[in-house]
PDB file of N, CA and C in Angstrom:
ATOM      1  N   MET A   1     -29.056  53.089 -21.236  1.00  0.00           N
ATOM      2  CA  MET A   1     -28.949  52.217 -20.180  1.00  0.00           C
ATOM      3  C   MET A   1     -27.722  51.341 -20.508  1.00  0.00           C
ATOM      4  N   LYS A   2     -26.809  51.186 -19.572  1.00  0.00           N
ATOM      5  CA  LYS A   2     -25.641  50.352 -19.739  1.00  0.00           C
ATOM      6  C   LYS A   2     -25.811  48.850 -19.487  1.00  0.00           C
ATOM      7  N   ARG A   3     -25.498  48.170 -20.264  1.00  0.00           N
ATOM      8  CA  ARG A   3     -25.589  46.710 -20.172  1.00  0.00           C
ATOM      9  C   ARG A   3     -24.292  46.190 -19.491  1.00  0.00           C
ATOM     10  N   MET A   4     -24.550  45.282 -18.684  1.00  0.00           N
ATOM     11  CA  MET A   4     -23.434  44.512 -17.935  1.00  0.00           C
ATOM     12  C   MET A   4     -23.561  43.020 -18.232  1.00  0.00           C
ATOM     13  N   THR A   5     -22.325  42.411 -18.204  1.00  0.00           N
ATOM     14  CA  THR A   5     -22.287  41.133 -18.235  1.00  0.00           C
ATOM     15  C   THR A   5     -21.770  40.307 -17.077  1.00  0.00           C
ATOM     16  N   LEU A   6     -22.365  39.304 -16.690  1.00  0.00           N
ATOM     17  CA  LEU A   6     -21.665  38.603 -15.511  1.00  0.00           C
ATOM     18  C   LEU A   6     -20.798  37.691 -16.062  1.00  0.00           C
ATOM     19  N   THR A   7     -19.540  37.964 -15.777  1.00  0.00           N
ATOM     20  CA  THR A   7     -18.393  36.969 -15.895  1.00  0.00           C
ATOM     21  C   THR A   7     -18.062  35.840 -14.962  1.00  0.00           C
ATOM     22  N   ARG A   8     -17.239  34.877 -15.280  1.00  0.00           N
ATOM     23  CA  ARG A   8     -16.923  33.853 -14.367  1.00  0.00           C
ATOM     24  C   ARG A   8     -16.214  34.693 -13.065  1.00  0.00           C
ATOM     25  N   ARG A   9     -15.380  35.539 -13.407  1.00  0.00           N
ATOM     26  CA  ARG A   9     -14.653  36.307 -12.394  1.00  0.00           C
ATOM     27  C   ARG A   9     -15.458  36.977 -11.507  1.00  0.00           C
ATOM     28  N   ALA A  10     -16.621  37.594 -11.937  1.00  0.00           N
ATOM     29  CA  ALA A  10     -17.514  38.410 -11.176  1.00  0.00           C
ATOM     30  C   ALA A  10     -18.331  37.389 -10.526  1.00  0.00           C
ATOM     31  N   LEU A  11     -18.625  36.257 -10.909  1.00  0.00           N
ATOM     32  CA  LEU A  11     -19.411  35.213 -10.253  1.00  0.00           C
ATOM     33  C   LEU A  11     -18.620  34.595  -9.159  1.00  0.00           C
ATOM     34  N   SER A  12     -17.295  34.351  -9.370  1.00  0.00           N
ATOM     35  CA  SER A  12     -16.769  33.854  -8.277  1.00  0.00           C
ATOM     36  C   SER A  12     -16.269  34.893  -7.237  1.00  0.00           C
ATOM     37  N   LEU A  13     -16.352  36.215  -7.540  1.00  0.00           N
ATOM     38  CA  LEU A  13     -16.056  37.103  -6.501  1.00  0.00           C
ATOM     39  C   LEU A  13     -17.319  37.281  -5.648  1.00  0.00           C
ATOM     40  N   ALA A  14     -18.526  37.187  -6.529  1.00  0.00           N
ATOM     41  CA  ALA A  14     -19.682  37.330  -5.583  1.00  0.00           C
ATOM     42  C   ALA A  14     -19.994  36.033  -4.740  1.00  0.00           C
ATOM     43  N   LEU A  15     -19.542  34.842  -5.188  1.00  0.00           N
ATOM     44  CA  LEU A  15     -19.596  33.669  -4.400  1.00  0.00           C
ATOM     45  C   LEU A  15     -18.855  33.806  -3.243  1.00  0.00           C
ATOM     46  N   ALA A  16     -17.492  34.190  -3.442  1.00  0.00           N
ATOM     47  CA  ALA A  16     -16.418  34.260  -2.223  1.00  0.00           C
ATOM     48  C   ALA A  16     -17.135  35.370  -1.299  1.00  0.00           C
ATOM     49  N   GLU A  17     -17.676  36.467  -1.646  1.00  0.00           N
ATOM     50  CA  GLU A  17     -18.217  37.444  -0.602  1.00  0.00           C
ATOM     51  C   GLU A  17     -19.340  36.949  -0.025  1.00  0.00           C
ATOM     52  N   LYS A  18     -20.276  36.198  -0.673  1.00  0.00           N
ATOM     53  CA  LYS A  18     -21.613  35.753   0.105  1.00  0.00           C
ATOM     54  C   LYS A  18     -21.414  34.694   0.838  1.00  0.00           C
ATOM     55  N   GLN A  19     -20.468  33.907   0.442  1.00  0.00           N
ATOM     56  CA  GLN A  19     -20.314  32.482   1.354  1.00  0.00           C
ATOM     57  C   GLN A  19     -19.140  32.583   2.164  1.00  0.00           C
ATOM     58  N   GLY A  20     -18.292  33.778   2.110  1.00  0.00           N
ATOM     59  CA  GLY A  20     -17.166  33.828   2.954  1.00  0.00           C
ATOM     60  C   GLY A  20     -15.979  32.861   2.653  1.00  0.00           C
ATOM     61  N   LEU A  21     -15.846  32.796   1.384  1.00  0.00           N
ATOM     62  CA  LEU A  21     -14.789  31.880   0.931  1.00  0.00           C
ATOM     63  C   LEU A  21     -13.504  32.815   0.350  1.00  0.00           C
ATOM     64  N   HIS A  22     -12.367  32.018   0.375  1.00  0.00           N
ATOM     65  CA  HIS A  22     -11.262  32.696  -0.401  1.00  0.00           C
ATOM     66  C   HIS A  22     -11.494  32.741  -1.830  1.00  0.00           C
ATOM     67  N   GLN A  23     -11.191  33.818  -2.650  1.00  0.00           N
ATOM     68  CA  GLN A  23     -11.381  33.867  -4.073  1.00  0.00           C
ATOM     69  C   GLN A  23     -11.058  32.860  -4.772  1.00  0.00           C
ATOM     70  N   LEU A  24      -9.776  32.134  -4.575  1.00  0.00           N
ATOM     71  CA  LEU A  24      -9.288  31.179  -5.338  1.00  0.00           C
ATOM     72  C   LEU A  24     -10.296  29.946  -5.153  1.00  0.00           C
ATOM     73  N   ASP A  25     -10.717  29.656  -3.870  1.00  0.00           N
ATOM     74  CA  ASP A  25     -11.542  28.549  -3.799  1.00  0.00           C
ATOM     75  C   ASP A  25     -13.034  28.736  -4.380  1.00  0.00           C
ATOM     76  N   ALA A  26     -13.463  29.902  -4.436  1.00  0.00           N
ATOM     77  CA  ALA A  26     -14.751  30.248  -5.079  1.00  0.00           C
ATOM     78  C   ALA A  26     -14.599  30.108  -6.526  1.00  0.00           C
ATOM     79  N   ALA A  27     -13.382  30.585  -7.060  1.00  0.00           N
ATOM     80  CA  ALA A  27     -13.097  30.393  -8.574  1.00  0.00           C
ATOM     81  C   ALA A  27     -13.074  28.961  -8.801  1.00  0.00           C
ATOM     82  N   GLU A  28     -12.365  28.191  -8.113  1.00  0.00           N
ATOM     83  CA  GLU A  28     -12.328  26.548  -8.428  1.00  0.00           C
ATOM     84  C   GLU A  28     -13.801  25.960  -8.356  1.00  0.00           C
ATOM     85  N   ILE A  29     -14.515  26.530  -7.502  1.00  0.00           N
ATOM     86  CA  ILE A  29     -16.072  25.905  -7.272  1.00  0.00           C
ATOM     87  C   ILE A  29     -16.753  26.340  -8.741  1.00  0.00           C
ATOM     88  N   VAL A  30     -16.645  27.436  -9.140  1.00  0.00           N
ATOM     89  CA  VAL A  30     -17.258  28.080 -10.273  1.00  0.00           C
ATOM     90  C   VAL A  30     -16.836  27.146 -11.451  1.00  0.00           C
ATOM     91  N   GLU A  31     -15.504  26.979 -11.540  1.00  0.00           N
ATOM     92  CA  GLU A  31     -14.929  26.199 -12.757  1.00  0.00           C
ATOM     93  C   GLU A  31     -15.438  24.770 -12.580  1.00  0.00           C
ATOM     94  N   ALA A  32     -15.593  24.164 -11.566  1.00  0.00           N
ATOM     95  CA  ALA A  32     -16.108  22.742 -11.275  1.00  0.00           C
ATOM     96  C   ALA A  32     -17.454  22.725 -11.731  1.00  0.00           C
ATOM     97  N   VAL A  33     -18.272  23.584 -11.439  1.00  0.00           N
ATOM     98  CA  VAL A  33     -19.706  23.491 -11.703  1.00  0.00           C
ATOM     99  C   VAL A  33     -19.818  23.598 -13.306  1.00  0.00           C
ATOM    100  N   PHE A  34     -19.272  24.560 -13.928  1.00  0.00           N
ATOM    101  CA  PHE A  34     -19.076  24.819 -15.473  1.00  0.00           C
ATOM    102  C   PHE A  34     -18.609  23.520 -16.019  1.00  0.00           C
ATOM    103  N   SER A  35     -17.653  22.891 -15.477  1.00  0.00           N
ATOM    104  CA  SER A  35     -16.944  21.654 -16.174  1.00  0.00           C
ATOM    105  C   SER A  35     -17.972  20.400 -16.061  1.00  0.00           C
ATOM    106  N   VAL A  36     -18.682  20.391 -14.855  1.00  0.00           N
ATOM    107  CA  VAL A  36     -19.735  19.309 -14.901  1.00  0.00           C
ATOM    108  C   VAL A  36     -20.973  19.621 -15.897  1.00  0.00           C
ATOM    109  N   MET A  37     -21.367  20.797 -15.971  1.00  0.00           N
ATOM    110  CA  MET A  37     -22.432  21.118 -16.945  1.00  0.00           C
ATOM    111  C   MET A  37     -21.918  20.856 -18.357  1.00  0.00           C
ATOM    112  N   LYS A  38     -20.753  21.220 -18.700  1.00  0.00           N
ATOM    113  CA  LYS A  38     -20.197  20.968 -20.104  1.00  0.00           C
ATOM    114  C   LYS A  38     -20.168  19.548 -20.449  1.00  0.00           C
ATOM    115  N   ASP A  39     -19.659  18.848 -19.361  1.00  0.00           N
ATOM    116  CA  ASP A  39     -19.526  17.399 -19.718  1.00  0.00           C
ATOM    117  C   ASP A  39     -20.923  16.782 -20.046  1.00  0.00           C
ATOM    118  N   ALA A  40     -21.892  17.221 -19.104  1.00  0.00           N
ATOM    119  CA  ALA A  40     -23.265  16.878 -19.281  1.00  0.00           C
ATOM    120  C   ALA A  40     -23.734  17.035 -20.762  1.00  0.00           C
ATOM    121  N   MET A  41     -23.580  18.222 -21.142  1.00  0.00           N
ATOM    122  CA  MET A  41     -23.993  18.642 -22.466  1.00  0.00           C
ATOM    123  C   MET A  41     -23.488  18.030 -23.409  1.00  0.00           C
ATOM    124  N   VAL A  42     -22.172  17.621 -23.443  1.00  0.00           N
ATOM    125  CA  VAL A  42     -21.223  17.231 -24.623  1.00  0.00           C
ATOM    126  C   VAL A  42     -21.845  15.616 -24.517  1.00  0.00           C
ATOM    127  N   ALA A  43     -22.261  15.008 -23.449  1.00  0.00           N
ATOM    128  CA  ALA A  43     -22.733  13.763 -23.670  1.00  0.00           C
ATOM    129  C   ALA A  43     -24.473  13.605 -24.118  1.00  0.00           C
ATOM    130  N   GLY A  44     -24.843  14.807 -24.427  1.00  0.00           N
ATOM    131  CA  GLY A  44     -26.162  15.059 -24.844  1.00  0.00           C
ATOM    132  C   GLY A  44     -27.288  15.160 -23.863  1.00  0.00           C
ATOM    133  N   GLU A  45     -26.827  15.313 -22.617  1.00  0.00           N
ATOM    134  CA  GLU A  45     -27.883  15.547 -21.532  1.00  0.00           C
ATOM    135  C   GLU A  45     -28.077  16.985 -21.417  1.00  0.00           C
ATOM    136  N   SER A  46     -29.530  17.271 -21.074  1.00  0.00           N
ATOM    137  CA  SER A  46     -30.100  18.536 -20.712  1.00  0.00           C
ATOM    138  C   SER A  46     -29.590  19.003 -19.254  1.00  0.00           C
ATOM    139  N   VAL A  47     -29.442  20.236 -18.838  1.00  0.00           N
ATOM    140  CA  VAL A  47     -29.026  20.502 -17.634  1.00  0.00           C
ATOM    141  C   VAL A  47     -30.167  21.304 -17.082  1.00  0.00           C
ATOM    142  N   LYS A  48     -30.804  21.000 -16.121  1.00  0.00           N
ATOM    143  CA  LYS A  48     -32.095  21.559 -15.265  1.00  0.00           C
ATOM    144  C   LYS A  48     -31.519  22.058 -14.014  1.00  0.00           C
ATOM    145  N   LEU A  49     -31.778  23.663 -13.943  1.00  0.00           N
ATOM    146  CA  LEU A  49     -31.301  24.251 -12.674  1.00  0.00           C
ATOM    147  C   LEU A  49     -32.728  24.767 -12.291  1.00  0.00           C
ATOM    148  N   VAL A  50     -32.955  24.132 -11.108  1.00  0.00           N
ATOM    149  CA  VAL A  50     -34.541  24.432 -10.539  1.00  0.00           C
ATOM    150  C   VAL A  50     -34.541  25.866 -10.419  1.00  0.00           C
ATOM    151  N   GLN A  51     -35.809  26.527 -10.483  1.00  0.00           N
ATOM    152  CA  GLN A  51     -35.959  28.009 -10.374  1.00  0.00           C
ATOM    153  C   GLN A  51     -35.167  28.829 -11.202  1.00  0.00           C
ATOM    154  N   PHE A  52     -34.449  28.239 -12.143  1.00  0.00           N
ATOM    155  CA  PHE A  52     -33.562  29.069 -12.960  1.00  0.00           C
ATOM    156  C   PHE A  52     -33.845  28.814 -14.467  1.00  0.00           C
ATOM    157  N   GLY A  53     -33.846  27.604 -14.794  1.00  0.00           N
ATOM    158  CA  GLY A  53     -33.989  27.202 -16.287  1.00  0.00           C
ATOM    159  C   GLY A  53     -33.420  25.954 -16.574  1.00  0.00           C
ATOM    160  N   THR A  54     -33.553  25.524 -17.895  1.00  0.00           N
ATOM    161  CA  THR A  54     -33.027  24.471 -18.461  1.00  0.00           C
ATOM    162  C   THR A  54     -32.025  24.761 -19.741  1.00  0.00           C
ATOM    163  N   LEU A  55     -31.152  24.001 -19.536  1.00  0.00           N
ATOM    164  CA  LEU A  55     -30.102  24.395 -20.826  1.00  0.00           C
ATOM    165  C   LEU A  55     -30.309  22.730 -21.625  1.00  0.00           C
ATOM    166  N   LEU A  56     -30.992  22.957 -22.911  1.00  0.00           N
ATOM    167  CA  LEU A  56     -31.405  21.782 -23.613  1.00  0.00           C
ATOM    168  C   LEU A  56     -30.399  21.704 -24.743  1.00  0.00           C
ATOM    169  N   VAL A  57     -29.916  20.402 -25.010  1.00  0.00           N
ATOM    170  CA  VAL A  57     -28.960  20.060 -26.138  1.00  0.00           C
ATOM    171  C   VAL A  57     -30.033  19.666 -27.186  1.00  0.00           C
ATOM    172  N   LEU A  58     -29.945  20.341 -28.330  1.00  0.00           N
ATOM    173  CA  LEU A  58     -30.926  20.133 -29.505  1.00  0.00           C
ATOM    174  C   LEU A  58     -30.054  19.529 -30.708  1.00  0.00           C
ATOM    175  N   ASP A  59     -30.662  18.521 -31.419  1.00  0.00           N
ATOM    176  CA  ASP A  59     -29.987  17.994 -32.571  1.00  0.00           C
ATOM    177  C   ASP A  59     -30.615  18.672 -33.767  1.00  0.00           C
ATOM    178  N   LYS A  60     -29.844  19.206 -34.658  1.00  0.00           N
ATOM    179  CA  LYS A  60     -30.401  19.878 -35.923  1.00  0.00           C
ATOM    180  C   LYS A  60     -30.047  19.091 -36.944  1.00  0.00           C
ATOM    181  N   SER A  61     -31.007  18.599 -37.905  1.00  0.00           N
ATOM    182  CA  SER A  61     -30.624  17.907 -39.063  1.00  0.00           C
ATOM    183  C   SER A  61     -29.957  18.665 -40.144  1.00  0.00           C
ATOM    184  N   SER A  62     -29.325  18.181 -41.103  1.00  0.00           N
ATOM    185  CA  SER A  62     -28.685  18.804 -42.283  1.00  0.00           C
ATOM    186  C   SER A  62     -29.819  19.416 -43.073  1.00  0.00           C
ATOM    187  N   ARG A  63     -29.601  20.394 -43.679  1.00  0.00           N
ATOM    188  CA  ARG A  63     -30.511  21.292 -44.504  1.00  0.00           C
ATOM    189  C   ARG A  63     -29.945  21.969 -45.542  1.00  0.00           C
ATOM    190  N   CYS A  64     -30.687  22.424 -46.611  1.00  0.00           N
ATOM    191  CA  CYS A  64     -30.237  23.335 -47.788  1.00  0.00           C
ATOM    192  C   CYS A  64     -30.351  24.786 -47.384  1.00  0.00           C
ATOM    193  N   GLY A  65     -29.468  25.569 -47.520  1.00  0.00           N
ATOM    194  CA  GLY A  65     -29.336  26.983 -47.235  1.00  0.00           C
ATOM    195  C   GLY A  65     -28.741  27.620 -48.411  1.00  0.00           C
ATOM    196  N   ARG A  66     -28.613  29.168 -48.091  1.00  0.00           N
ATOM    197  CA  ARG A  66     -28.127  29.845 -49.153  1.00  0.00           C
ATOM    198  C   ARG A  66     -27.081  30.853 -48.569  1.00  0.00           C
ATOM    199  N   ASN A  67     -26.159  31.031 -49.262  1.00  0.00           N
ATOM    200  CA  ASN A  67     -25.059  32.041 -48.906  1.00  0.00           C
ATOM    201  C   ASN A  67     -25.554  33.342 -49.117  1.00  0.00           C
ATOM    202  N   PRO A  68     -25.929  34.121 -48.011  1.00  0.00           N
ATOM    203  CA  PRO A  68     -26.538  35.528 -48.179  1.00  0.00           C
ATOM    204  C   PRO A  68     -25.757  36.582 -49.159  1.00  0.00           C
ATOM    205  N   ARG A  69     -24.428  36.479 -49.256  1.00  0.00           N
ATOM    206  CA  ARG A  69     -23.896  37.382 -50.148  1.00  0.00           C
ATOM    207  C   ARG A  69     -23.867  36.773 -51.607  1.00  0.00           C
ATOM    208  N   THR A  70     -23.804  35.443 -51.858  1.00  0.00           N
ATOM    209  CA  THR A  70     -23.875  35.262 -53.450  1.00  0.00           C
ATOM    210  C   THR A  70     -25.291  34.601 -53.710  1.00  0.00           C
ATOM    211  N   GLY A  71     -25.936  34.170 -52.819  1.00  0.00           N
ATOM    212  CA  GLY A  71     -27.313  33.506 -53.141  1.00  0.00           C
ATOM    213  C   GLY A  71     -27.035  32.176 -53.446  1.00  0.00           C
ATOM    214  N   GLU A  72     -25.636  31.628 -53.478  1.00  0.00           N
ATOM    215  CA  GLU A  72     -25.340  30.276 -53.852  1.00  0.00           C
ATOM    216  C   GLU A  72     -26.092  29.224 -52.832  1.00  0.00           C
ATOM    217  N   GLU A  73     -26.744  28.071 -53.260  1.00  0.00           N
ATOM    218  CA  GLU A  73     -27.213  27.130 -52.407  1.00  0.00           C
ATOM    219  C   GLU A  73     -26.131  26.336 -51.770  1.00  0.00           C
ATOM    220  N   MET A  74     -26.124  25.905 -50.545  1.00  0.00           N
ATOM    221  CA  MET A  74     -25.207  25.214 -49.807  1.00  0.00           C
ATOM    222  C   MET A  74     -25.859  24.290 -48.778  1.00  0.00           C
ATOM    223  N   LEU A  75     -25.030  23.295 -48.543  1.00  0.00           N
ATOM    224  CA  LEU A  75     -25.607  22.308 -47.581  1.00  0.00           C
ATOM    225  C   LEU A  75     -25.064  22.647 -46.155  1.00  0.00           C
ATOM    226  N   ILE A  76     -25.977  22.852 -45.160  1.00  0.00           N
ATOM    227  CA  ILE A  76     -25.701  23.165 -43.862  1.00  0.00           C
ATOM    228  C   ILE A  76     -25.683  21.881 -43.015  1.00  0.00           C
ATOM    229  N   SER A  77     -24.522  21.563 -42.630  1.00  0.00           N
ATOM    230  CA  SER A  77     -24.413  20.069 -41.952  1.00  0.00           C
ATOM    231  C   SER A  77     -25.090  20.085 -40.607  1.00  0.00           C
ATOM    232  N   ARG A  78     -25.545  18.905 -40.344  1.00  0.00           N
ATOM    233  CA  ARG A  78     -26.286  18.503 -39.103  1.00  0.00           C
ATOM    234  C   ARG A  78     -25.148  18.838 -37.889  1.00  0.00           C
ATOM    235  N   ARG A  79     -25.837  19.286 -36.771  1.00  0.00           N
ATOM    236  CA  ARG A  79     -25.109  19.796 -35.642  1.00  0.00           C
ATOM    237  C   ARG A  79     -25.915  19.664 -34.637  1.00  0.00           C
ATOM    238  N   ARG A  80     -25.266  19.956 -33.325  1.00  0.00           N
ATOM    239  CA  ARG A  80     -26.013  20.283 -32.151  1.00  0.00           C
ATOM    240  C   ARG A  80     -25.782  21.506 -31.565  1.00  0.00           C
ATOM    241  N   MET A  81     -26.842  21.909 -30.951  1.00  0.00           N
ATOM    242  CA  MET A  81     -26.750  23.280 -30.270  1.00  0.00           C
ATOM    243  C   MET A  81     -27.415  23.278 -29.019  1.00  0.00           C
ATOM    244  N   VAL A  82     -27.194  24.306 -28.181  1.00  0.00           N
ATOM    245  CA  VAL A  82     -27.685  24.481 -26.800  1.00  0.00           C
ATOM    246  C   VAL A  82     -28.654  25.680 -26.876  1.00  0.00           C
ATOM    247  N   SER A  83     -29.753  25.335 -26.182  1.00  0.00           N
ATOM    248  CA  SER A  83     -30.869  26.537 -26.091  1.00  0.00           C
ATOM    249  C   SER A  83     -31.117  26.464 -24.684  1.00  0.00           C
ATOM    250  N   PHE A  84     -31.441  27.631 -24.142  1.00  0.00           N
ATOM    251  CA  PHE A  84     -31.846  27.929 -22.867  1.00  0.00           C
ATOM    252  C   PHE A  84     -33.150  28.370 -22.699  1.00  0.00           C
ATOM    253  N   ARG A  85     -33.981  27.628 -21.709  1.00  0.00           N
ATOM    254  CA  ARG A  85     -35.296  27.899 -21.578  1.00  0.00           C
ATOM    255  C   ARG A  85     -35.600  28.121 -20.196  1.00  0.00           C
ATOM    256  N   PRO A  86     -35.951  29.627 -19.703  1.00  0.00           N
ATOM    257  CA  PRO A  86     -35.825  29.996 -18.388  1.00  0.00           C
ATOM    258  C   PRO A  86     -37.127  29.243 -17.697  1.00  0.00           C
ATOM    259  N   SER A  87     -36.939  29.319 -16.518  1.00  0.00           N
ATOM    260  CA  SER A  87     -38.255  28.712 -15.525  1.00  0.00           C
ATOM    261  C   SER A  87     -39.139  29.765 -15.650  1.00  0.00           C
ATOM    262  N   LYS A  88     -40.323  29.457 -15.226  1.00  0.00           N
ATOM    263  CA  LYS A  88     -41.480  30.576 -15.034  1.00  0.00           C
ATOM    264  C   LYS A  88     -41.258  31.463 -13.909  1.00  0.00           C
ATOM    265  N   ARG A  89     -40.434  31.056 -12.848  1.00  0.00           N
ATOM    266  CA  ARG A  89     -40.246  32.025 -11.778  1.00  0.00           C
ATOM    267  C   ARG A  89     -39.153  32.858 -12.440  1.00  0.00           C
ATOM    268  N   LEU A  90     -38.332  32.583 -13.102  1.00  0.00           N
ATOM    269  CA  LEU A  90     -37.190  33.679 -13.464  1.00  0.00           C
ATOM    270  C   LEU A  90     -37.843  34.582 -14.503  1.00  0.00           C
ATOM    271  N   ARG A  91     -38.677  33.995 -15.538  1.00  0.00           N
ATOM    272  CA  ARG A  91     -39.436  34.751 -16.396  1.00  0.00           C
ATOM    273  C   ARG A  91     -40.173  36.018 -15.752  1.00  0.00           C
ATOM    274  N   ASP A  92     -40.986  35.457 -14.711  1.00  0.00           N
ATOM    275  CA  ASP A  92     -41.796  36.390 -13.978  1.00  0.00           C
ATOM    276  C   ASP A  92     -40.959  37.592 -13.278  1.00  0.00           C
ATOM    277  N   ARG A  93     -39.881  37.074 -12.690  1.00  0.00           N
ATOM    278  CA  ARG A  93     -38.778  38.039 -12.089  1.00  0.00           C
ATOM    279  C   ARG A  93     -38.400  39.071 -12.982  1.00  0.00           C
ATOM    280  N   ILE A  94     -38.079  38.529 -14.239  1.00  0.00           N
ATOM    281  CA  ILE A  94     -37.495  39.454 -15.247  1.00  0.00           C
ATOM    282  C   ILE A  94     -38.449  40.579 -15.751  1.00  0.00           C
ATOM    283  N   ASN A  95     -39.623  40.086 -15.784  1.00  0.00           N
ATOM    284  CA  ASN A  95     -40.612  40.861 -16.480  1.00  0.00           C
ATOM    285  C   ASN A  95     -41.466  41.798 -15.429  1.00  0.00           C
ATOM    286  N   GLN A  96     -41.053  41.830 -14.303  1.00  0.00           N
ATOM    287  CA  GLN A  96     -41.686  42.547 -13.093  1.00  0.00           C
ATOM    288  C   GLN A  96     -41.471  44.084 -13.559  1.00  0.00           C
ATOM    289  N   SER A  97     -42.525  44.794 -13.321  1.00  0.00           N
ATOM    290  CA  SER A  97     -42.324  46.160 -13.769  1.00  0.00           C
ATOM    291  C   SER A  97     -41.416  46.834 -12.679  1.00  0.00           C
ATOM    292  N   ASP A  98     -40.571  47.850 -13.092  1.00  0.00           N
ATOM    293  CA  ASP A  98     -39.633  48.466 -12.146  1.00  0.00           C
ATOM    294  C   ASP A  98     -40.332  49.372 -11.254  1.00  0.00           C
TER     295      ASP A  98
END
């Protein structure tokens, strides 16, 4: 089975077709939505998209780890990461049998 990836360009083309917009206008809308989402996550906020899922910003504390090549212990610095939790409705649609 061939895997496909939905890109920003494909998303803006689909938006333009579905809403009857010019492609450049649709691309600007897509960029604006992603910009607002990025700004919120950089500020530490989660982004909840109803009936789709939630993008959570998680704080990971520093910890000791090992270099897999050498086995040498090293400190993994604290960091923030983004996790996606799909909504129940999305999970159910994904898991529907074909």
